[in-house]
Amino acid sequence: MQFAELKWNNQQPYSLDFDDVYYSVDNGLAETDHVFIHHNQLIERFKQLVTLASGSPTFTIIETGFGTGLNFFCAVQHFLAHAPANASLQFISTECAPLTLADFTKANQHWLVFNKMVSELANTYSQLTDGLNKLSCCDGRIKLDLWIGDINQTFPQIQTAADAWFLDGFAPSKNGDMWSENLFQEIARLSQTNTTFSTFTSAGQVKRNLQAAGFKVSKVKGFGRKREMLSGAYL
């Protein structure tokens, strides 16, 4: 398994593999809140989860790039704060080059609020292998399916439909596989009516690929110095 090659700039992880940042150098946590939490309306949707006749409700998020885990931890934090106690969160993510355990721990030391979750995941994270890795935390309420490998090989194996998408590969100009037309057809396969998505990028090709896959796409205000981003829903 190939691990990510990093360098650290003022305690911020930087990908040498893709020559790009993992998250905003201004405020990565605020960026995740703006791009992925707010534009998937997750706080409101978590609050609206109700008991189902067949058991406890599950909300499913699928992500296209686990990175440091920041988006995962942020989503879990909001889920625990706003979802009913009987609900569970299924988070499915993929990563071609995961951080080593040491880098994963270092990257998340910056976010003290996540320390307990990082500690819970550390043991199983240290045993990552190619393919599907099943992790959990928070007394089993949070389940993380972390797929390691080429996204073109891992995504066809996923069978669970998403309620929301976090489209978060490195920039399209630097990591084209994460934004290809073929991948968006897989994303459509794993979507249902009103499945939402959001992404930091506003690249025209990404917008066109999403529209071709059946999504209604809007350009909205980006985070910080980024003027625009994309969000929308599957029709």
C-alpha atoms as a PDB file:
ATOM      1  CA  MET A   1       0.000   0.000   0.000  1.00  0.00           C
ATOM      2  CA  GLN A   2       1.318   3.424  -0.960  1.00  0.00           C
ATOM      3  CA  PHE A   3       1.176   6.045   1.771  1.00  0.00           C
ATOM      4  CA  ALA A   4       0.938   9.770   1.105  1.00  0.00           C
ATOM      5  CA  GLU A   5       4.144  11.772   0.780  1.00  0.00           C
ATOM      6  CA  LEU A   6       3.773  14.945   2.832  1.00  0.00           C
ATOM      7  CA  LYS A   7       5.627  18.011   3.842  1.00  0.00           C
ATOM      8  CA  TRP A   8       4.548  20.228   6.722  1.00  0.00           C
ATOM      9  CA  ASN A   9       4.156  23.970   6.355  1.00  0.00           C
ATOM     10  CA  ASN A  10       3.543  25.594   9.752  1.00  0.00           C
ATOM     11  CA  GLN A  11       1.929  22.358  10.984  1.00  0.00           C
ATOM     12  CA  GLN A  12      -0.271  22.195   7.867  1.00  0.00           C
ATOM     13  CA  PRO A  13      -0.011  18.991   5.762  1.00  0.00           C
ATOM     14  CA  TYR A  14       0.845  19.473   2.089  1.00  0.00           C
ATOM     15  CA  SER A  15       0.662  16.705  -0.522  1.00  0.00           C
ATOM     16  CA  LEU A  16       3.881  16.161  -2.455  1.00  0.00           C
ATOM     17  CA  ASP A  17       2.072  13.568  -4.593  1.00  0.00           C
ATOM     18  CA  PHE A  18      -0.428  16.109  -5.932  1.00  0.00           C
ATOM     19  CA  ASP A  19       1.324  19.408  -5.163  1.00  0.00           C
ATOM     20  CA  ASP A  20      -1.716  20.687  -3.301  1.00  0.00           C
ATOM     21  CA  VAL A  21      -3.019  21.482   0.175  1.00  0.00           C
ATOM     22  CA  TYR A  22      -5.324  19.097   2.026  1.00  0.00           C
ATOM     23  CA  TYR A  23      -7.502  21.955   3.249  1.00  0.00           C
ATOM     24  CA  SER A  24      -7.586  25.741   3.460  1.00  0.00           C
ATOM     25  CA  VAL A  25      -4.511  27.212   5.118  1.00  0.00           C
ATOM     26  CA  ASP A  26      -6.757  29.958   6.498  1.00  0.00           C
ATOM     27  CA  ASN A  27      -9.117  27.714   8.464  1.00  0.00           C
ATOM     28  CA  GLY A  28      -9.680  24.138   7.339  1.00  0.00           C
ATOM     29  CA  LEU A  29     -12.451  23.446   9.828  1.00  0.00           C
ATOM     30  CA  ALA A  30     -14.420  26.548   8.833  1.00  0.00           C
ATOM     31  CA  GLU A  31     -13.937  25.574   5.183  1.00  0.00           C
ATOM     32  CA  THR A  32     -15.428  22.112   5.800  1.00  0.00           C
ATOM     33  CA  ASP A  33     -18.357  23.657   7.659  1.00  0.00           C
ATOM     34  CA  HIS A  34     -19.041  26.039   4.788  1.00  0.00           C
ATOM     35  CA  VAL A  35     -18.492  23.733   1.833  1.00  0.00           C
ATOM     36  CA  PHE A  36     -19.720  20.348   3.037  1.00  0.00           C
ATOM     37  CA  ILE A  37     -21.891  20.806   6.117  1.00  0.00           C
ATOM     38  CA  HIS A  38     -23.775  23.975   5.181  1.00  0.00           C
ATOM     39  CA  HIS A  39     -24.221  23.266   1.459  1.00  0.00           C
ATOM     40  CA  ASN A  40     -25.538  19.752   2.085  1.00  0.00           C
ATOM     41  CA  GLN A  41     -27.931  21.225   4.704  1.00  0.00           C
ATOM     42  CA  LEU A  42     -26.665  18.577   7.118  1.00  0.00           C
ATOM     43  CA  ILE A  43     -27.554  20.168  10.444  1.00  0.00           C
ATOM     44  CA  GLU A  44     -31.195  20.529   9.386  1.00  0.00           C
ATOM     45  CA  ARG A  45     -31.273  17.032   7.883  1.00  0.00           C
ATOM     46  CA  PHE A  46     -29.697  15.456  10.960  1.00  0.00           C
ATOM     47  CA  LYS A  47     -32.353  17.105  13.140  1.00  0.00           C
ATOM     48  CA  GLN A  48     -35.110  15.735  10.884  1.00  0.00           C
ATOM     49  CA  LEU A  49     -34.090  12.086  11.230  1.00  0.00           C
ATOM     50  CA  VAL A  50     -36.912  10.169  12.842  1.00  0.00           C
ATOM     51  CA  THR A  51     -37.399   6.619  14.047  1.00  0.00           C
ATOM     52  CA  LEU A  52     -38.217   4.244  11.206  1.00  0.00           C
ATOM     53  CA  ALA A  53     -40.628   1.353  11.516  1.00  0.00           C
ATOM     54  CA  SER A  54     -37.818  -1.079  10.708  1.00  0.00           C
ATOM     55  CA  GLY A  55     -35.442   0.311  13.325  1.00  0.00           C
ATOM     56  CA  SER A  56     -33.071   3.213  13.843  1.00  0.00           C
ATOM     57  CA  PRO A  57     -32.504   5.682  10.991  1.00  0.00           C
ATOM     58  CA  THR A  58     -29.159   5.776   9.207  1.00  0.00           C
ATOM     59  CA  PHE A  59     -27.785   8.738   7.269  1.00  0.00           C
ATOM     60  CA  THR A  60     -25.161   7.952   4.622  1.00  0.00           C
ATOM     61  CA  ILE A  61     -22.422  10.276   3.414  1.00  0.00           C
ATOM     62  CA  ILE A  62     -20.024   9.219   0.655  1.00  0.00           C
ATOM     63  CA  GLU A  63     -16.775  11.103   0.125  1.00  0.00           C
ATOM     64  CA  THR A  64     -14.278  11.069  -2.738  1.00  0.00           C
ATOM     65  CA  GLY A  65     -11.041  11.610  -0.824  1.00  0.00           C
ATOM     66  CA  PHE A  66     -10.513  10.865   2.881  1.00  0.00           C
ATOM     67  CA  GLY A  67      -7.281  12.832   3.219  1.00  0.00           C
ATOM     68  CA  THR A  68      -6.648  13.776   6.841  1.00  0.00           C
ATOM     69  CA  GLY A  69     -10.181  12.777   7.887  1.00  0.00           C
ATOM     70  CA  LEU A  70     -11.171  16.377   8.634  1.00  0.00           C
ATOM     71  CA  ASN A  71     -14.489  16.189   6.749  1.00  0.00           C
ATOM     72  CA  PHE A  72     -15.352  12.930   8.496  1.00  0.00           C
ATOM     73  CA  PHE A  73     -14.656  14.275  11.978  1.00  0.00           C
ATOM     74  CA  CYS A  74     -16.557  17.479  11.285  1.00  0.00           C
ATOM     75  CA  ALA A  75     -19.602  15.568  10.018  1.00  0.00           C
ATOM     76  CA  VAL A  76     -19.505  13.269  13.055  1.00  0.00           C
ATOM     77  CA  GLN A  77     -19.316  16.227  15.424  1.00  0.00           C
ATOM     78  CA  HIS A  78     -22.454  17.783  13.917  1.00  0.00           C
ATOM     79  CA  PHE A  79     -24.240  14.437  13.759  1.00  0.00           C
ATOM     80  CA  LEU A  80     -23.676  13.755  17.456  1.00  0.00           C
ATOM     81  CA  ALA A  81     -24.812  17.276  18.315  1.00  0.00           C
ATOM     82  CA  HIS A  82     -27.998  17.340  16.234  1.00  0.00           C
ATOM     83  CA  ALA A  83     -29.227  13.836  15.298  1.00  0.00           C
ATOM     84  CA  PRO A  84     -31.590  11.870  17.563  1.00  0.00           C
ATOM     85  CA  ALA A  85     -29.862   9.426  19.878  1.00  0.00           C
ATOM     86  CA  ASN A  86     -31.218   6.368  18.046  1.00  0.00           C
ATOM     87  CA  ALA A  87     -29.765   7.446  14.675  1.00  0.00           C
ATOM     88  CA  SER A  88     -26.486   6.281  13.171  1.00  0.00           C
ATOM     89  CA  LEU A  89     -24.123   7.725  10.573  1.00  0.00           C
ATOM     90  CA  GLN A  90     -22.612   5.654   7.769  1.00  0.00           C
ATOM     91  CA  PHE A  91     -19.615   7.431   6.257  1.00  0.00           C
ATOM     92  CA  ILE A  92     -18.037   5.880   3.159  1.00  0.00           C
ATOM     93  CA  SER A  93     -14.790   7.289   1.824  1.00  0.00           C
ATOM     94  CA  THR A  94     -11.971   6.338  -0.514  1.00  0.00           C
ATOM     95  CA  GLU A  95      -8.281   7.155  -0.576  1.00  0.00           C
ATOM     96  CA  CYS A  96      -5.539   6.075  -2.975  1.00  0.00           C
ATOM     97  CA  ALA A  97      -2.657   7.094  -0.682  1.00  0.00           C
ATOM     98  CA  PRO A  98      -3.658   7.290   2.996  1.00  0.00           C
ATOM     99  CA  LEU A  99      -1.657   9.170   5.571  1.00  0.00           C
ATOM    100  CA  THR A 100       0.578   7.088   7.798  1.00  0.00           C
ATOM    101  CA  LEU A 101      -0.703   6.722  11.351  1.00  0.00           C
ATOM    102  CA  ALA A 102       1.901   9.241  12.526  1.00  0.00           C
ATOM    103  CA  ASP A 103       0.841  11.808   9.911  1.00  0.00           C
ATOM    104  CA  PHE A 104      -2.858  11.101  10.519  1.00  0.00           C
ATOM    105  CA  THR A 105      -2.386  11.748  14.244  1.00  0.00           C
ATOM    106  CA  LYS A 106      -0.244  14.845  13.680  1.00  0.00           C
ATOM    107  CA  ALA A 107      -2.662  16.313  11.135  1.00  0.00           C
ATOM    108  CA  ASN A 108      -5.556  16.025  13.567  1.00  0.00           C
ATOM    109  CA  GLN A 109      -3.748  17.280  16.670  1.00  0.00           C
ATOM    110  CA  HIS A 110      -4.583  20.731  15.341  1.00  0.00           C
ATOM    111  CA  TRP A 111      -8.284  20.086  16.017  1.00  0.00           C
ATOM    112  CA  LEU A 112      -8.482  19.446  19.759  1.00  0.00           C
ATOM    113  CA  VAL A 113     -12.242  18.902  19.603  1.00  0.00           C
ATOM    114  CA  PHE A 114     -11.652  15.678  17.643  1.00  0.00           C
ATOM    115  CA  ASN A 115      -9.037  14.143  19.955  1.00  0.00           C
ATOM    116  CA  LYS A 116     -11.321  11.477  21.411  1.00  0.00           C
ATOM    117  CA  MET A 117     -12.516  10.284  17.989  1.00  0.00           C
ATOM    118  CA  VAL A 118      -8.984  10.265  16.574  1.00  0.00           C
ATOM    119  CA  SER A 119      -7.853   8.175  19.527  1.00  0.00           C
ATOM    120  CA  GLU A 120     -10.743   5.723  19.045  1.00  0.00           C
ATOM    121  CA  LEU A 121      -9.879   5.229  15.372  1.00  0.00           C
ATOM    122  CA  ALA A 122      -6.104   5.084  15.771  1.00  0.00           C
ATOM    123  CA  ASN A 123      -5.854   1.358  16.532  1.00  0.00           C
ATOM    124  CA  THR A 124      -7.833   0.182  13.504  1.00  0.00           C
ATOM    125  CA  TYR A 125      -6.405   2.963  11.309  1.00  0.00           C
ATOM    126  CA  SER A 126      -2.937   1.588  12.030  1.00  0.00           C
ATOM    127  CA  GLN A 127      -4.013  -1.698  10.405  1.00  0.00           C
ATOM    128  CA  LEU A 128      -5.262  -0.307   7.085  1.00  0.00           C
ATOM    129  CA  THR A 129      -4.989  -2.605   4.089  1.00  0.00           C
ATOM    130  CA  ASP A 130      -5.866  -2.288   0.403  1.00  0.00           C
ATOM    131  CA  GLY A 131      -9.589  -2.567  -0.222  1.00  0.00           C
ATOM    132  CA  LEU A 132     -12.344  -2.122   2.342  1.00  0.00           C
ATOM    133  CA  ASN A 133     -11.494  -1.214   5.941  1.00  0.00           C
ATOM    134  CA  LYS A 134     -14.360  -1.070   8.437  1.00  0.00           C
ATOM    135  CA  LEU A 135     -13.834   1.349  11.324  1.00  0.00           C
ATOM    136  CA  SER A 136     -16.235   2.665  13.962  1.00  0.00           C
ATOM    137  CA  CYS A 137     -16.364   5.036  16.916  1.00  0.00           C
ATOM    138  CA  CYS A 138     -18.752   6.671  19.373  1.00  0.00           C
ATOM    139  CA  ASP A 139     -20.152   3.398  20.748  1.00  0.00           C
ATOM    140  CA  GLY A 140     -20.852   2.093  17.254  1.00  0.00           C
ATOM    141  CA  ARG A 141     -23.133   4.972  16.211  1.00  0.00           C
ATOM    142  CA  ILE A 142     -20.565   6.078  13.651  1.00  0.00           C
ATOM    143  CA  LYS A 143     -19.417   3.585  11.023  1.00  0.00           C
ATOM    144  CA  LEU A 144     -16.608   4.427   8.613  1.00  0.00           C
ATOM    145  CA  ASP A 145     -16.041   2.335   5.483  1.00  0.00           C
ATOM    146  CA  LEU A 146     -12.628   3.435   4.236  1.00  0.00           C
ATOM    147  CA  TRP A 147     -11.697   2.059   0.811  1.00  0.00           C
ATOM    148  CA  ILE A 148      -7.974   2.121   0.018  1.00  0.00           C
ATOM    149  CA  GLY A 149      -6.941   1.978  -3.618  1.00  0.00           C
ATOM    150  CA  ASP A 150      -7.580   3.445  -7.061  1.00  0.00           C
ATOM    151  CA  ILE A 151     -11.003   5.095  -7.023  1.00  0.00           C
ATOM    152  CA  ASN A 152     -11.819   3.567 -10.412  1.00  0.00           C
ATOM    153  CA  GLN A 153     -11.481   0.139  -8.804  1.00  0.00           C
ATOM    154  CA  THR A 154     -12.991   0.841  -5.370  1.00  0.00           C
ATOM    155  CA  PHE A 155     -16.105   2.797  -6.322  1.00  0.00           C
ATOM    156  CA  PRO A 156     -17.715   0.063  -8.458  1.00  0.00           C
ATOM    157  CA  GLN A 157     -17.630  -2.149  -5.355  1.00  0.00           C
ATOM    158  CA  ILE A 158     -19.716   0.254  -3.245  1.00  0.00           C
ATOM    159  CA  GLN A 159     -23.404  -0.680  -3.143  1.00  0.00           C
ATOM    160  CA  THR A 160     -24.842   1.722  -0.536  1.00  0.00           C
ATOM    161  CA  ALA A 161     -26.670   4.787  -1.859  1.00  0.00           C
ATOM    162  CA  ALA A 162     -25.686   8.208  -0.549  1.00  0.00           C
ATOM    163  CA  ASP A 163     -27.878  10.780   1.145  1.00  0.00           C
ATOM    164  CA  ALA A 164     -25.122  13.356   0.655  1.00  0.00           C
ATOM    165  CA  TRP A 165     -21.845  13.574  -1.265  1.00  0.00           C
ATOM    166  CA  PHE A 166     -18.600  15.229  -0.219  1.00  0.00           C
ATOM    167  CA  LEU A 167     -16.681  15.645  -3.505  1.00  0.00           C
ATOM    168  CA  ASP A 168     -13.224  16.417  -2.168  1.00  0.00           C
ATOM    169  CA  GLY A 169     -10.355  15.172  -4.274  1.00  0.00           C
ATOM    170  CA  PHE A 170      -7.382  17.423  -4.864  1.00  0.00           C
ATOM    171  CA  ALA A 171      -7.881  20.141  -7.486  1.00  0.00           C
ATOM    172  CA  PRO A 172      -9.206  18.817 -10.835  1.00  0.00           C
ATOM    173  CA  SER A 173      -6.123  20.164 -12.618  1.00  0.00           C
ATOM    174  CA  LYS A 174      -3.879  18.058 -10.362  1.00  0.00           C
ATOM    175  CA  ASN A 175      -5.909  14.871  -9.812  1.00  0.00           C
ATOM    176  CA  GLY A 176      -8.107  14.262 -12.842  1.00  0.00           C
ATOM    177  CA  ASP A 177      -9.161  10.719 -11.848  1.00  0.00           C
ATOM    178  CA  MET A 178     -11.254  12.144  -9.002  1.00  0.00           C
ATOM    179  CA  TRP A 179     -13.317  14.285 -11.374  1.00  0.00           C
ATOM    180  CA  SER A 180     -13.742  12.116 -14.474  1.00  0.00           C
ATOM    181  CA  GLU A 181     -16.975  11.536 -16.393  1.00  0.00           C
ATOM    182  CA  ASN A 182     -16.754   7.824 -15.563  1.00  0.00           C
ATOM    183  CA  LEU A 183     -16.537   8.541 -11.852  1.00  0.00           C
ATOM    184  CA  PHE A 184     -19.588  10.789 -11.974  1.00  0.00           C
ATOM    185  CA  GLN A 185     -21.549   7.982 -13.591  1.00  0.00           C
ATOM    186  CA  GLU A 186     -20.646   5.864 -10.539  1.00  0.00           C
ATOM    187  CA  ILE A 187     -21.742   8.734  -8.307  1.00  0.00           C
ATOM    188  CA  ALA A 188     -25.094   8.828 -10.142  1.00  0.00           C
ATOM    189  CA  ARG A 189     -25.461   5.062  -9.637  1.00  0.00           C
ATOM    190  CA  LEU A 190     -25.080   5.576  -5.892  1.00  0.00           C
ATOM    191  CA  SER A 191     -27.517   8.504  -5.739  1.00  0.00           C
ATOM    192  CA  GLN A 192     -31.261   8.736  -5.351  1.00  0.00           C
ATOM    193  CA  THR A 193     -33.775  11.527  -5.837  1.00  0.00           C
ATOM    194  CA  ASN A 194     -32.698  14.537  -3.759  1.00  0.00           C
ATOM    195  CA  THR A 195     -29.280  13.143  -2.844  1.00  0.00           C
ATOM    196  CA  THR A 196     -27.250  16.311  -2.351  1.00  0.00           C
ATOM    197  CA  PHE A 197     -23.631  17.099  -3.160  1.00  0.00           C
ATOM    198  CA  SER A 198     -21.165  19.875  -2.549  1.00  0.00           C
ATOM    199  CA  THR A 199     -17.598  20.522  -3.605  1.00  0.00           C
ATOM    200  CA  PHE A 200     -15.013  23.266  -3.190  1.00  0.00           C
ATOM    201  CA  THR A 201     -14.335  23.449  -6.939  1.00  0.00           C
ATOM    202  CA  SER A 202     -16.263  25.454  -9.511  1.00  0.00           C
ATOM    203  CA  ALA A 203     -14.418  24.060 -12.545  1.00  0.00           C
ATOM    204  CA  GLY A 204     -16.533  24.058 -15.689  1.00  0.00           C
ATOM    205  CA  GLN A 205     -15.726  20.451 -16.580  1.00  0.00           C
ATOM    206  CA  VAL A 206     -16.799  19.271 -13.116  1.00  0.00           C
ATOM    207  CA  LYS A 207     -20.078  21.163 -13.480  1.00  0.00           C
ATOM    208  CA  ARG A 208     -20.714  19.653 -16.917  1.00  0.00           C
ATOM    209  CA  ASN A 209     -19.878  16.122 -15.733  1.00  0.00           C
ATOM    210  CA  LEU A 210     -22.266  16.475 -12.808  1.00  0.00           C
ATOM    211  CA  GLN A 211     -25.050  17.756 -15.050  1.00  0.00           C
ATOM    212  CA  ALA A 212     -24.476  14.915 -17.531  1.00  0.00           C
ATOM    213  CA  ALA A 213     -24.776  12.461 -14.645  1.00  0.00           C
ATOM    214  CA  GLY A 214     -28.209  13.822 -13.681  1.00  0.00           C
ATOM    215  CA  PHE A 215     -27.472  16.461 -11.043  1.00  0.00           C
ATOM    216  CA  LYS A 216     -28.918  19.940 -10.779  1.00  0.00           C
ATOM    217  CA  VAL A 217     -25.858  22.124 -10.206  1.00  0.00           C
ATOM    218  CA  SER A 218     -25.604  25.635  -8.767  1.00  0.00           C
ATOM    219  CA  LYS A 219     -22.638  27.931  -8.367  1.00  0.00           C
ATOM    220  CA  VAL A 220     -22.609  29.442  -4.889  1.00  0.00           C
ATOM    221  CA  LYS A 221     -20.235  31.520  -2.792  1.00  0.00           C
ATOM    222  CA  GLY A 222     -16.998  29.758  -1.979  1.00  0.00           C
ATOM    223  CA  PHE A 223     -15.026  29.797   1.251  1.00  0.00           C
ATOM    224  CA  GLY A 224     -12.625  32.588   2.073  1.00  0.00           C
ATOM    225  CA  ARG A 225     -10.642  33.766  -0.910  1.00  0.00           C
ATOM    226  CA  LYS A 226     -12.305  31.209  -3.207  1.00  0.00           C
ATOM    227  CA  ARG A 227     -15.011  33.085  -5.056  1.00  0.00           C
ATOM    228  CA  GLU A 228     -17.279  30.185  -6.112  1.00  0.00           C
ATOM    229  CA  MET A 229     -18.022  26.511  -5.442  1.00  0.00           C
ATOM    230  CA  LEU A 230     -20.631  23.997  -6.632  1.00  0.00           C
ATOM    231  CA  SER A 231     -23.563  22.385  -4.861  1.00  0.00           C
ATOM    232  CA  GLY A 232     -26.822  20.748  -5.856  1.00  0.00           C
ATOM    233  CA  ALA A 233     -28.913  17.581  -5.869  1.00  0.00           C
ATOM    234  CA  TYR A 234     -29.659  14.488  -7.940  1.00  0.00           C
ATOM    235  CA  LEU A 235     -32.921  14.787  -9.893  1.00  0.00           C
END
